Amino acid sequence: MDVLAEALRVSGARGALGGVLEAGGTWGLWLDSSPGAALHVVSRGTMWLHVPGGKPLEVGEGDAVLLPPGTAHGLAGGPDTVMGPCDREATGRALTDGSALHLGSDPARTEVLILRYEQDPEVSTPVLTSLARPMHVTSRENAQFRKTVEFLTAELAQPQIGTTAAVNSIVDLLLIQFVRVWLARHPERQPGSWLGGMRDPVVRDALERVHARPEHPWTTESLAAATSVSRATLSRHFRSALGQTPGAYVTQWRLDLASVRLRDTDEPVESIADAVGYASPHAFSRAFRRARGMPPGEYRARLRGDRGQTATGGNA
């Protein structure tokens, strides 16, 4: 079981091209906070990243920087650039449809690919939020990453049949590569961090078993036995790495799986309860209500009602 791949799949962590920034002369762009993570790849020239409370960071050609969800930040041509108001309509259009956004004066000497990652709001497993601060990867330190950036740049330079699908797949690959770099840079355990938990062999072994068989009647005792450690050892490692007990994590993961199935399938609640490890629909409903604030049936109806209103552009 590839725990990271499964967590990213269930959490719906998907990326897409948000736009292409072309700039020259004196320029700056301020991006307000958003629910998703942001990845900026400099395909030509140099830019400076500005984050409130931090020093400006120079990002060179072939480099990339990943920002945690909700991070307001600025992109600029220099470390001392004052970023004033921009054309919000043009910026919004470029970030929505992937078109080029031109800033400053000609000729454009810098090109930045603005990528965005969203996570399913119905899933609580915090994969992307484990990235607590901006992370800068240079083209020199990771040859595999550099080749992926070159592939993405080439695909955008000559669009053809399937380019949209290709770009989205490459963007997803970049996220995996960023996670690998993050893990390589943080060999020590990161308390309270889901990704940091992957550094703890006891926790990783336990998560592999839970993710592979969420329907199994796991208890702290049975999970400890399966991973060949004591109950006290397993609990201690979980609290240190993830900030929660093994039982709390099992419940969280089961309800994440159930939430996605309630929304995306027509499976009966009884079948979903059994598939995610609950002995009875009543036990499942009680746990689901405690975590989500409403019973499974009402949750499904609300989500589908919200989705229908979004599709029609108004209230029914």
C-alpha atoms as a PDB file:
ATOM      1  CA  MET A   1       0.000   0.000   0.000  1.00  0.00           C
ATOM      2  CA  ASP A   2       1.418   3.373  -1.083  1.00  0.00           C
ATOM      3  CA  VAL A   3      -0.014   5.469   1.745  1.00  0.00           C
ATOM      4  CA  LEU A   4       0.888   8.806   0.165  1.00  0.00           C
ATOM      5  CA  ALA A   5      -0.691   7.905  -3.166  1.00  0.00           C
ATOM      6  CA  GLU A   6      -3.849   6.646  -1.452  1.00  0.00           C
ATOM      7  CA  ALA A   7      -4.107   9.729   0.772  1.00  0.00           C
ATOM      8  CA  LEU A   8      -3.676  12.062  -2.207  1.00  0.00           C
ATOM      9  CA  ARG A   9      -6.258  10.083  -4.192  1.00  0.00           C
ATOM     10  CA  VAL A  10      -8.900  10.147  -1.477  1.00  0.00           C
ATOM     11  CA  SER A  11      -8.199  13.752  -0.487  1.00  0.00           C
ATOM     12  CA  GLY A  12      -8.678  14.800  -4.109  1.00  0.00           C
ATOM     13  CA  ALA A  13      -5.366  16.676  -4.151  1.00  0.00           C
ATOM     14  CA  ARG A  14      -5.303  17.658  -7.788  1.00  0.00           C
ATOM     15  CA  GLY A  15      -3.395  20.361  -9.601  1.00  0.00           C
ATOM     16  CA  ALA A  16      -4.065  22.511 -12.635  1.00  0.00           C
ATOM     17  CA  LEU A  17      -2.389  25.309 -14.526  1.00  0.00           C
ATOM     18  CA  GLY A  18      -3.594  28.583 -13.079  1.00  0.00           C
ATOM     19  CA  GLY A  19      -1.965  30.846 -15.635  1.00  0.00           C
ATOM     20  CA  VAL A  20       1.253  31.990 -17.264  1.00  0.00           C
ATOM     21  CA  LEU A  21       2.821  35.241 -16.065  1.00  0.00           C
ATOM     22  CA  GLU A  22       4.982  37.165 -18.543  1.00  0.00           C
ATOM     23  CA  ALA A  23       6.725  40.231 -17.152  1.00  0.00           C
ATOM     24  CA  GLY A  24       9.449  42.757 -17.855  1.00  0.00           C
ATOM     25  CA  GLY A  25      10.790  45.955 -16.346  1.00  0.00           C
ATOM     26  CA  THR A  26       9.358  46.855 -12.946  1.00  0.00           C
ATOM     27  CA  TRP A  27       6.450  44.610 -12.041  1.00  0.00           C
ATOM     28  CA  GLY A  28       4.642  42.999  -9.129  1.00  0.00           C
ATOM     29  CA  LEU A  29       1.549  40.904  -8.492  1.00  0.00           C
ATOM     30  CA  TRP A  30      -0.110  40.311  -5.132  1.00  0.00           C
ATOM     31  CA  LEU A  31      -2.138  37.098  -4.750  1.00  0.00           C
ATOM     32  CA  ASP A  32      -4.606  36.954  -1.873  1.00  0.00           C
ATOM     33  CA  SER A  33      -4.929  33.812   0.209  1.00  0.00           C
ATOM     34  CA  SER A  34      -6.899  30.934  -1.270  1.00  0.00           C
ATOM     35  CA  PRO A  35      -7.981  27.512   0.061  1.00  0.00           C
ATOM     36  CA  GLY A  36      -5.543  25.657  -2.179  1.00  0.00           C
ATOM     37  CA  ALA A  37      -1.762  25.403  -2.295  1.00  0.00           C
ATOM     38  CA  ALA A  38       0.149  27.386  -4.936  1.00  0.00           C
ATOM     39  CA  LEU A  39       3.168  26.287  -6.951  1.00  0.00           C
ATOM     40  CA  HIS A  40       5.130  28.801  -9.015  1.00  0.00           C
ATOM     41  CA  VAL A  41       7.654  27.573 -11.574  1.00  0.00           C
ATOM     42  CA  VAL A  42      10.056  30.073 -13.162  1.00  0.00           C
ATOM     43  CA  SER A  43      10.515  28.874 -16.745  1.00  0.00           C
ATOM     44  CA  ARG A  44      12.514  31.951 -17.794  1.00  0.00           C
ATOM     45  CA  GLY A  45      14.296  34.786 -15.983  1.00  0.00           C
ATOM     46  CA  THR A  46      14.080  35.485 -12.254  1.00  0.00           C
ATOM     47  CA  MET A  47      11.385  36.546  -9.809  1.00  0.00           C
ATOM     48  CA  TRP A  48      11.168  37.413  -6.128  1.00  0.00           C
ATOM     49  CA  LEU A  49       8.651  35.847  -3.749  1.00  0.00           C
ATOM     50  CA  HIS A  50       7.222  38.101  -1.034  1.00  0.00           C
ATOM     51  CA  VAL A  51       5.446  36.594   1.973  1.00  0.00           C
ATOM     52  CA  PRO A  52       4.212  38.712   4.909  1.00  0.00           C
ATOM     53  CA  GLY A  53       6.686  38.530   7.787  1.00  0.00           C
ATOM     54  CA  GLY A  54       9.441  36.930   5.699  1.00  0.00           C
ATOM     55  CA  LYS A  55      12.418  38.099   3.672  1.00  0.00           C
ATOM     56  CA  PRO A  56      12.032  38.317  -0.126  1.00  0.00           C
ATOM     57  CA  LEU A  57      13.175  35.084  -1.774  1.00  0.00           C
ATOM     58  CA  GLU A  58      14.876  35.008  -5.161  1.00  0.00           C
ATOM     59  CA  VAL A  59      13.577  32.230  -7.414  1.00  0.00           C
ATOM     60  CA  GLY A  60      15.729  31.611 -10.480  1.00  0.00           C
ATOM     61  CA  GLU A  61      15.139  30.041 -13.855  1.00  0.00           C
ATOM     62  CA  GLY A  62      14.129  26.402 -13.539  1.00  0.00           C
ATOM     63  CA  ASP A  63      13.353  26.816  -9.822  1.00  0.00           C
ATOM     64  CA  ALA A  64       9.967  26.388  -8.182  1.00  0.00           C
ATOM     65  CA  VAL A  65       8.344  27.330  -4.898  1.00  0.00           C
ATOM     66  CA  LEU A  66       5.367  25.622  -3.233  1.00  0.00           C
ATOM     67  CA  LEU A  67       3.223  27.595  -0.788  1.00  0.00           C
ATOM     68  CA  PRO A  68       0.884  26.019   1.791  1.00  0.00           C
ATOM     69  CA  PRO A  69      -2.889  26.461   1.410  1.00  0.00           C
ATOM     70  CA  GLY A  70      -4.130  29.891   2.427  1.00  0.00           C
ATOM     71  CA  THR A  71      -0.806  31.721   2.025  1.00  0.00           C
ATOM     72  CA  ALA A  72      -1.133  35.282   0.718  1.00  0.00           C
ATOM     73  CA  HIS A  73       1.970  36.278  -1.233  1.00  0.00           C
ATOM     74  CA  GLY A  74       3.431  38.484  -3.921  1.00  0.00           C
ATOM     75  CA  LEU A  75       5.478  37.852  -7.046  1.00  0.00           C
ATOM     76  CA  ALA A  76       7.733  40.652  -8.241  1.00  0.00           C
ATOM     77  CA  GLY A  77      10.669  41.575 -10.413  1.00  0.00           C
ATOM     78  CA  GLY A  78      12.812  42.706  -7.481  1.00  0.00           C
ATOM     79  CA  PRO A  79      13.265  42.387  -3.700  1.00  0.00           C
ATOM     80  CA  ASP A  80      12.139  45.972  -3.027  1.00  0.00           C
ATOM     81  CA  THR A  81       9.259  46.222  -5.484  1.00  0.00           C
ATOM     82  CA  VAL A  82       6.168  47.879  -4.054  1.00  0.00           C
ATOM     83  CA  MET A  83       3.195  45.845  -5.240  1.00  0.00           C
ATOM     84  CA  GLY A  84       0.242  48.094  -5.877  1.00  0.00           C
ATOM     85  CA  PRO A  85      -3.250  47.212  -7.112  1.00  0.00           C
ATOM     86  CA  CYS A  86      -3.467  45.163 -10.290  1.00  0.00           C
ATOM     87  CA  ASP A  87      -6.128  44.513 -12.897  1.00  0.00           C
ATOM     88  CA  ARG A  88      -8.168  42.021 -10.896  1.00  0.00           C
ATOM     89  CA  GLU A  89     -10.411  41.140 -13.820  1.00  0.00           C
ATOM     90  CA  ALA A  90      -7.479  40.290 -16.096  1.00  0.00           C
ATOM     91  CA  THR A  91      -5.702  38.437 -13.304  1.00  0.00           C
ATOM     92  CA  GLY A  92      -8.783  36.426 -12.434  1.00  0.00           C
ATOM     93  CA  ARG A  93      -9.354  35.549 -16.077  1.00  0.00           C
ATOM     94  CA  ALA A  94      -5.759  34.390 -16.556  1.00  0.00           C
ATOM     95  CA  LEU A  95      -5.776  32.286 -13.396  1.00  0.00           C
ATOM     96  CA  THR A  96      -9.072  30.700 -14.419  1.00  0.00           C
ATOM     97  CA  ASP A  97      -8.487  29.839 -18.065  1.00  0.00           C
ATOM     98  CA  GLY A  98      -4.679  29.500 -18.091  1.00  0.00           C
ATOM     99  CA  SER A  99      -4.116  32.396 -20.470  1.00  0.00           C
ATOM    100  CA  ALA A 100      -1.051  34.660 -20.300  1.00  0.00           C
ATOM    101  CA  LEU A 101      -0.997  37.578 -17.872  1.00  0.00           C
ATOM    102  CA  HIS A 102       1.294  40.435 -18.950  1.00  0.00           C
ATOM    103  CA  LEU A 103       2.851  42.724 -16.340  1.00  0.00           C
ATOM    104  CA  GLY A 104       5.377  45.551 -16.487  1.00  0.00           C
ATOM    105  CA  SER A 105       6.892  46.608 -19.790  1.00  0.00           C
ATOM    106  CA  ASP A 106       8.114  44.867 -22.932  1.00  0.00           C
ATOM    107  CA  PRO A 107      10.177  42.936 -23.629  1.00  0.00           C
ATOM    108  CA  ALA A 108       9.132  40.218 -21.181  1.00  0.00           C
ATOM    109  CA  ARG A 109      12.218  38.806 -19.483  1.00  0.00           C
ATOM    110  CA  THR A 110      10.506  36.596 -16.910  1.00  0.00           C
ATOM    111  CA  GLU A 111       7.959  33.821 -17.380  1.00  0.00           C
ATOM    112  CA  VAL A 112       6.297  32.137 -14.414  1.00  0.00           C
ATOM    113  CA  LEU A 113       3.914  29.191 -14.525  1.00  0.00           C
ATOM    114  CA  ILE A 114       1.288  29.649 -11.800  1.00  0.00           C
ATOM    115  CA  LEU A 115      -0.068  26.286 -10.688  1.00  0.00           C
ATOM    116  CA  ARG A 116      -2.801  25.582  -8.162  1.00  0.00           C
ATOM    117  CA  TYR A 117      -3.626  22.579  -5.989  1.00  0.00           C
ATOM    118  CA  GLU A 118      -6.995  21.979  -4.404  1.00  0.00           C
ATOM    119  CA  GLN A 119      -7.967  19.382  -1.817  1.00  0.00           C
ATOM    120  CA  ASP A 120     -11.446  17.919  -1.423  1.00  0.00           C
ATOM    121  CA  PRO A 121     -13.071  20.010   1.341  1.00  0.00           C
ATOM    122  CA  GLU A 122     -14.981  16.949   2.567  1.00  0.00           C
ATOM    123  CA  VAL A 123     -11.739  15.127   3.426  1.00  0.00           C
ATOM    124  CA  SER A 124      -9.975  15.961   6.679  1.00  0.00           C
ATOM    125  CA  THR A 125      -6.683  14.057   6.266  1.00  0.00           C
ATOM    126  CA  PRO A 126      -4.189  16.966   6.146  1.00  0.00           C
ATOM    127  CA  VAL A 127      -1.731  16.079   3.385  1.00  0.00           C
ATOM    128  CA  LEU A 128      -1.130  19.516   1.806  1.00  0.00           C
ATOM    129  CA  THR A 129      -1.457  21.412   5.074  1.00  0.00           C
ATOM    130  CA  SER A 130       1.570  19.479   6.354  1.00  0.00           C
ATOM    131  CA  LEU A 131       3.628  21.935   4.313  1.00  0.00           C
ATOM    132  CA  ALA A 132       3.782  24.577   6.994  1.00  0.00           C
ATOM    133  CA  ARG A 133       5.913  27.140   5.130  1.00  0.00           C
ATOM    134  CA  PRO A 134       6.950  28.026   1.554  1.00  0.00           C
ATOM    135  CA  MET A 135       9.350  25.487   0.070  1.00  0.00           C
ATOM    136  CA  HIS A 136      11.895  26.413  -2.592  1.00  0.00           C
ATOM    137  CA  VAL A 137      13.417  23.788  -4.902  1.00  0.00           C
ATOM    138  CA  THR A 138      16.240  24.834  -7.232  1.00  0.00           C
ATOM    139  CA  SER A 139      16.912  23.321 -10.637  1.00  0.00           C
ATOM    140  CA  ARG A 140      20.414  22.367  -9.502  1.00  0.00           C
ATOM    141  CA  GLU A 141      19.478  20.191  -6.546  1.00  0.00           C
ATOM    142  CA  ASN A 142      17.043  17.782  -8.207  1.00  0.00           C
ATOM    143  CA  ALA A 143      17.635  16.529 -11.753  1.00  0.00           C
ATOM    144  CA  GLN A 144      14.347  14.632 -11.883  1.00  0.00           C
ATOM    145  CA  PHE A 145      12.412  17.738 -10.893  1.00  0.00           C
ATOM    146  CA  ARG A 146      14.279  19.809 -13.480  1.00  0.00           C
ATOM    147  CA  LYS A 147      13.346  17.376 -16.260  1.00  0.00           C
ATOM    148  CA  THR A 148       9.687  17.505 -15.241  1.00  0.00           C
ATOM    149  CA  VAL A 149       9.707  21.317 -15.354  1.00  0.00           C
ATOM    150  CA  GLU A 150      11.321  21.209 -18.807  1.00  0.00           C
ATOM    151  CA  PHE A 151       8.654  18.757 -19.984  1.00  0.00           C
ATOM    152  CA  LEU A 152       5.875  21.008 -18.676  1.00  0.00           C
ATOM    153  CA  THR A 153       7.389  24.097 -20.311  1.00  0.00           C
ATOM    154  CA  ALA A 154       7.759  22.301 -23.656  1.00  0.00           C
ATOM    155  CA  GLU A 155       4.163  21.040 -23.536  1.00  0.00           C
ATOM    156  CA  LEU A 156       2.851  24.558 -22.952  1.00  0.00           C
ATOM    157  CA  ALA A 157       5.081  26.048 -25.647  1.00  0.00           C
ATOM    158  CA  GLN A 158       3.568  23.820 -28.346  1.00  0.00           C
ATOM    159  CA  PRO A 159      -0.024  22.917 -27.395  1.00  0.00           C
ATOM    160  CA  GLN A 160      -1.561  20.019 -29.269  1.00  0.00           C
ATOM    161  CA  ILE A 161      -4.178  17.299 -28.862  1.00  0.00           C
ATOM    162  CA  GLY A 162      -4.264  16.198 -25.226  1.00  0.00           C
ATOM    163  CA  THR A 163      -2.218  19.105 -23.881  1.00  0.00           C
ATOM    164  CA  THR A 164      -4.708  19.899 -21.104  1.00  0.00           C
ATOM    165  CA  ALA A 165      -4.673  16.312 -19.826  1.00  0.00           C
ATOM    166  CA  ALA A 166      -0.882  16.137 -20.153  1.00  0.00           C
ATOM    167  CA  VAL A 167      -0.352  19.391 -18.250  1.00  0.00           C
ATOM    168  CA  ASN A 168      -2.648  18.338 -15.403  1.00  0.00           C
ATOM    169  CA  SER A 169      -0.802  15.003 -15.105  1.00  0.00           C
ATOM    170  CA  ILE A 170       2.569  16.767 -15.036  1.00  0.00           C
ATOM    171  CA  VAL A 171       1.310  19.174 -12.382  1.00  0.00           C
ATOM    172  CA  ASP A 172       0.263  16.200 -10.228  1.00  0.00           C
ATOM    173  CA  LEU A 173       3.720  14.673 -10.735  1.00  0.00           C
ATOM    174  CA  LEU A 174       5.365  17.901  -9.572  1.00  0.00           C
ATOM    175  CA  LEU A 175       3.443  17.696  -6.306  1.00  0.00           C
ATOM    176  CA  ILE A 176       4.720  14.157  -5.685  1.00  0.00           C
ATOM    177  CA  GLN A 177       8.262  15.311  -6.400  1.00  0.00           C
ATOM    178  CA  PHE A 178       7.893  18.242  -4.011  1.00  0.00           C
ATOM    179  CA  VAL A 179       6.723  15.858  -1.295  1.00  0.00           C
ATOM    180  CA  ARG A 180       9.771  13.647  -1.913  1.00  0.00           C
ATOM    181  CA  VAL A 181      12.073  16.646  -1.592  1.00  0.00           C
ATOM    182  CA  TRP A 182      10.263  17.705   1.600  1.00  0.00           C
ATOM    183  CA  LEU A 183      10.764  14.262   3.118  1.00  0.00           C
ATOM    184  CA  ALA A 184      14.435  14.240   2.106  1.00  0.00           C
ATOM    185  CA  ARG A 185      14.964  17.635   3.730  1.00  0.00           C
ATOM    186  CA  HIS A 186      13.199  16.668   6.958  1.00  0.00           C
ATOM    187  CA  PRO A 187      14.753  13.363   8.057  1.00  0.00           C
ATOM    188  CA  GLU A 188      13.628  14.084  11.598  1.00  0.00           C
ATOM    189  CA  ARG A 189      10.053  13.582  12.713  1.00  0.00           C
ATOM    190  CA  GLN A 190       7.803  16.615  12.407  1.00  0.00           C
ATOM    191  CA  PRO A 191       5.330  16.594  15.344  1.00  0.00           C
ATOM    192  CA  GLY A 192       1.715  17.013  14.277  1.00  0.00           C
ATOM    193  CA  SER A 193       2.561  16.688  10.583  1.00  0.00           C
ATOM    194  CA  TRP A 194       0.966  13.992   8.410  1.00  0.00           C
ATOM    195  CA  LEU A 195       3.933  13.972   6.035  1.00  0.00           C
ATOM    196  CA  GLY A 196       6.312  13.977   8.973  1.00  0.00           C
ATOM    197  CA  GLY A 197       4.542  10.853  10.195  1.00  0.00           C
ATOM    198  CA  MET A 198       5.861   9.080   7.106  1.00  0.00           C
ATOM    199  CA  ARG A 199       9.322   9.474   8.656  1.00  0.00           C
ATOM    200  CA  ASP A 200       8.333   7.350  11.666  1.00  0.00           C
ATOM    201  CA  PRO A 201       8.619   3.652  10.701  1.00  0.00           C
ATOM    202  CA  VAL A 202       6.142   2.598  13.401  1.00  0.00           C
ATOM    203  CA  VAL A 203       3.503   5.081  12.252  1.00  0.00           C
ATOM    204  CA  ARG A 204       4.146   4.424   8.571  1.00  0.00           C
ATOM    205  CA  ASP A 205       3.762   0.669   9.060  1.00  0.00           C
ATOM    206  CA  ALA A 206       0.498   1.172  10.916  1.00  0.00           C
ATOM    207  CA  LEU A 207      -0.884   3.599   8.322  1.00  0.00           C
ATOM    208  CA  GLU A 208      -0.071   1.168   5.523  1.00  0.00           C
ATOM    209  CA  ARG A 209      -2.221  -1.461   7.222  1.00  0.00           C
ATOM    210  CA  VAL A 210      -5.101   0.890   7.989  1.00  0.00           C
ATOM    211  CA  HIS A 211      -5.175   2.296   4.460  1.00  0.00           C
ATOM    212  CA  ALA A 212      -4.929  -1.161   2.884  1.00  0.00           C
ATOM    213  CA  ARG A 213      -7.804  -2.584   4.993  1.00  0.00           C
ATOM    214  CA  PRO A 214      -9.982   0.224   6.405  1.00  0.00           C
ATOM    215  CA  GLU A 215     -12.851  -2.251   6.847  1.00  0.00           C
ATOM    216  CA  HIS A 216     -10.842  -4.402   9.276  1.00  0.00           C
ATOM    217  CA  PRO A 217     -12.007  -4.095  12.917  1.00  0.00           C
ATOM    218  CA  TRP A 218      -8.857  -2.295  14.004  1.00  0.00           C
ATOM    219  CA  THR A 219      -8.218  -1.521  17.645  1.00  0.00           C
ATOM    220  CA  THR A 220      -5.069  -0.072  19.127  1.00  0.00           C
ATOM    221  CA  GLU A 221      -4.229  -3.552  20.413  1.00  0.00           C
ATOM    222  CA  SER A 222      -4.735  -5.330  17.067  1.00  0.00           C
ATOM    223  CA  LEU A 223      -2.898  -2.621  15.132  1.00  0.00           C
ATOM    224  CA  ALA A 224       0.007  -2.792  17.568  1.00  0.00           C
ATOM    225  CA  ALA A 225       0.131  -6.576  17.197  1.00  0.00           C
ATOM    226  CA  ALA A 226       0.080  -6.276  13.379  1.00  0.00           C
ATOM    227  CA  THR A 227       3.046  -3.902  13.481  1.00  0.00           C
ATOM    228  CA  SER A 228       4.949  -5.937  16.123  1.00  0.00           C
ATOM    229  CA  VAL A 229       5.075  -3.218  18.772  1.00  0.00           C
ATOM    230  CA  SER A 230       3.384  -2.754  22.108  1.00  0.00           C
ATOM    231  CA  ARG A 231       0.145  -0.843  22.506  1.00  0.00           C
ATOM    232  CA  ALA A 232       1.949   1.832  24.530  1.00  0.00           C
ATOM    233  CA  THR A 233       4.665   2.203  21.881  1.00  0.00           C
ATOM    234  CA  LEU A 234       2.154   2.566  19.054  1.00  0.00           C
ATOM    235  CA  SER A 235       0.129   5.158  20.967  1.00  0.00           C
ATOM    236  CA  ARG A 236       3.247   7.128  21.885  1.00  0.00           C
ATOM    237  CA  HIS A 237       4.487   7.242  18.290  1.00  0.00           C
ATOM    238  CA  PHE A 238       1.080   8.277  16.945  1.00  0.00           C
ATOM    239  CA  ARG A 239       0.767  11.105  19.435  1.00  0.00           C
ATOM    240  CA  SER A 240       4.292  12.315  18.710  1.00  0.00           C
ATOM    241  CA  ALA A 241       4.013  12.134  14.910  1.00  0.00           C
ATOM    242  CA  LEU A 242       0.351  12.922  14.220  1.00  0.00           C
ATOM    243  CA  GLY A 243      -0.900  14.501  17.432  1.00  0.00           C
ATOM    244  CA  GLN A 244      -3.701  11.942  17.800  1.00  0.00           C
ATOM    245  CA  THR A 245      -4.342   8.396  18.941  1.00  0.00           C
ATOM    246  CA  PRO A 246      -4.352   5.410  16.564  1.00  0.00           C
ATOM    247  CA  GLY A 247      -8.092   5.014  17.119  1.00  0.00           C
ATOM    248  CA  ALA A 248      -8.758   8.651  16.268  1.00  0.00           C
ATOM    249  CA  TYR A 249      -6.818   8.324  13.028  1.00  0.00           C
ATOM    250  CA  VAL A 250      -8.641   5.129  12.032  1.00  0.00           C
ATOM    251  CA  THR A 251     -11.981   6.871  12.607  1.00  0.00           C
ATOM    252  CA  GLN A 252     -10.898   9.972  10.685  1.00  0.00           C
ATOM    253  CA  TRP A 253      -9.739   7.935   7.676  1.00  0.00           C
ATOM    254  CA  ARG A 254     -12.880   5.776   7.621  1.00  0.00           C
ATOM    255  CA  LEU A 255     -15.144   8.808   7.703  1.00  0.00           C
ATOM    256  CA  ASP A 256     -13.119  10.514   4.958  1.00  0.00           C
ATOM    257  CA  LEU A 257     -13.656   7.441   2.771  1.00  0.00           C
ATOM    258  CA  ALA A 258     -17.332   7.370   3.668  1.00  0.00           C
ATOM    259  CA  SER A 259     -17.830  11.076   2.941  1.00  0.00           C
ATOM    260  CA  VAL A 260     -16.459  10.702  -0.572  1.00  0.00           C
ATOM    261  CA  ARG A 261     -18.614   7.634  -1.274  1.00  0.00           C
ATOM    262  CA  LEU A 262     -21.748   9.291   0.084  1.00  0.00           C
ATOM    263  CA  ARG A 263     -21.240  12.217  -2.239  1.00  0.00           C
ATOM    264  CA  ASP A 264     -20.004  10.432  -5.348  1.00  0.00           C
ATOM    265  CA  THR A 265     -21.932   7.144  -5.394  1.00  0.00           C
ATOM    266  CA  ASP A 266     -25.466   5.825  -4.942  1.00  0.00           C
ATOM    267  CA  GLU A 267     -24.370   3.047  -2.598  1.00  0.00           C
ATOM    268  CA  PRO A 268     -26.766   2.466   0.301  1.00  0.00           C
ATOM    269  CA  VAL A 269     -25.606   3.841   3.620  1.00  0.00           C
ATOM    270  CA  GLU A 270     -25.575   0.285   4.984  1.00  0.00           C
ATOM    271  CA  SER A 271     -23.097  -0.825   2.311  1.00  0.00           C
ATOM    272  CA  ILE A 272     -20.825   2.162   2.915  1.00  0.00           C
ATOM    273  CA  ALA A 273     -20.890   1.524   6.672  1.00  0.00           C
ATOM    274  CA  ASP A 274     -19.778  -2.064   6.122  1.00  0.00           C
ATOM    275  CA  ALA A 275     -17.107  -1.071   3.570  1.00  0.00           C
ATOM    276  CA  VAL A 276     -15.408   1.341   5.977  1.00  0.00           C
ATOM    277  CA  GLY A 277     -15.431  -0.972   8.974  1.00  0.00           C
ATOM    278  CA  TYR A 278     -18.573  -0.326  11.016  1.00  0.00           C
ATOM    279  CA  ALA A 279     -20.419  -3.284  12.470  1.00  0.00           C
ATOM    280  CA  SER A 280     -23.825  -1.670  12.018  1.00  0.00           C
ATOM    281  CA  PRO A 281     -25.423   1.301  10.239  1.00  0.00           C
ATOM    282  CA  HIS A 282     -26.363   2.683  13.655  1.00  0.00           C
ATOM    283  CA  ALA A 283     -22.737   2.726  14.860  1.00  0.00           C
ATOM    284  CA  PHE A 284     -21.683   4.330  11.576  1.00  0.00           C
ATOM    285  CA  SER A 285     -24.410   6.970  11.781  1.00  0.00           C
ATOM    286  CA  ARG A 286     -23.481   7.827  15.348  1.00  0.00           C
ATOM    287  CA  ALA A 287     -19.780   8.239  14.485  1.00  0.00           C
ATOM    288  CA  PHE A 288     -20.564  10.180  11.320  1.00  0.00           C
ATOM    289  CA  ARG A 289     -22.907  12.578  13.099  1.00  0.00           C
ATOM    290  CA  ARG A 290     -20.315  13.206  15.786  1.00  0.00           C
ATOM    291  CA  ALA A 291     -17.650  14.079  13.181  1.00  0.00           C
ATOM    292  CA  ARG A 292     -19.714  15.836  10.498  1.00  0.00           C
ATOM    293  CA  GLY A 293     -22.568  17.286  12.535  1.00  0.00           C
ATOM    294  CA  MET A 294     -25.340  15.435  10.699  1.00  0.00           C
ATOM    295  CA  PRO A 295     -26.356  11.853   9.825  1.00  0.00           C
ATOM    296  CA  PRO A 296     -25.052  10.260   6.601  1.00  0.00           C
ATOM    297  CA  GLY A 297     -28.324  10.536   4.668  1.00  0.00           C
ATOM    298  CA  GLU A 298     -28.715  14.238   5.419  1.00  0.00           C
ATOM    299  CA  TYR A 299     -25.048  14.814   4.557  1.00  0.00           C
ATOM    300  CA  ARG A 300     -25.494  13.143   1.162  1.00  0.00           C
ATOM    301  CA  ALA A 301     -28.651  15.151   0.422  1.00  0.00           C
ATOM    302  CA  ARG A 302     -27.007  18.450   1.392  1.00  0.00           C
ATOM    303  CA  LEU A 303     -23.933  17.882  -0.763  1.00  0.00           C
ATOM    304  CA  ARG A 304     -25.968  16.835  -3.756  1.00  0.00           C
ATOM    305  CA  GLY A 305     -28.290  19.769  -3.279  1.00  0.00           C
ATOM    306  CA  ASP A 306     -25.329  22.157  -3.145  1.00  0.00           C
ATOM    307  CA  ARG A 307     -23.881  20.564  -6.260  1.00  0.00           C
ATOM    308  CA  GLY A 308     -27.170  20.895  -8.098  1.00  0.00           C
ATOM    309  CA  GLN A 309     -27.427  24.578  -7.200  1.00  0.00           C
ATOM    310  CA  THR A 310     -23.874  25.158  -8.401  1.00  0.00           C
ATOM    311  CA  ALA A 311     -24.637  23.440 -11.702  1.00  0.00           C
ATOM    312  CA  THR A 312     -27.759  25.530 -12.301  1.00  0.00           C
ATOM    313  CA  GLY A 313     -26.169  28.725 -11.038  1.00  0.00           C
ATOM    314  CA  GLY A 314     -28.824  29.485  -8.452  1.00  0.00           C
ATOM    315  CA  ASN A 315     -31.198  28.193  -5.838  1.00  0.00           C
ATOM    316  CA  ALA A 316     -33.818  25.626  -6.622  1.00  0.00           C
END
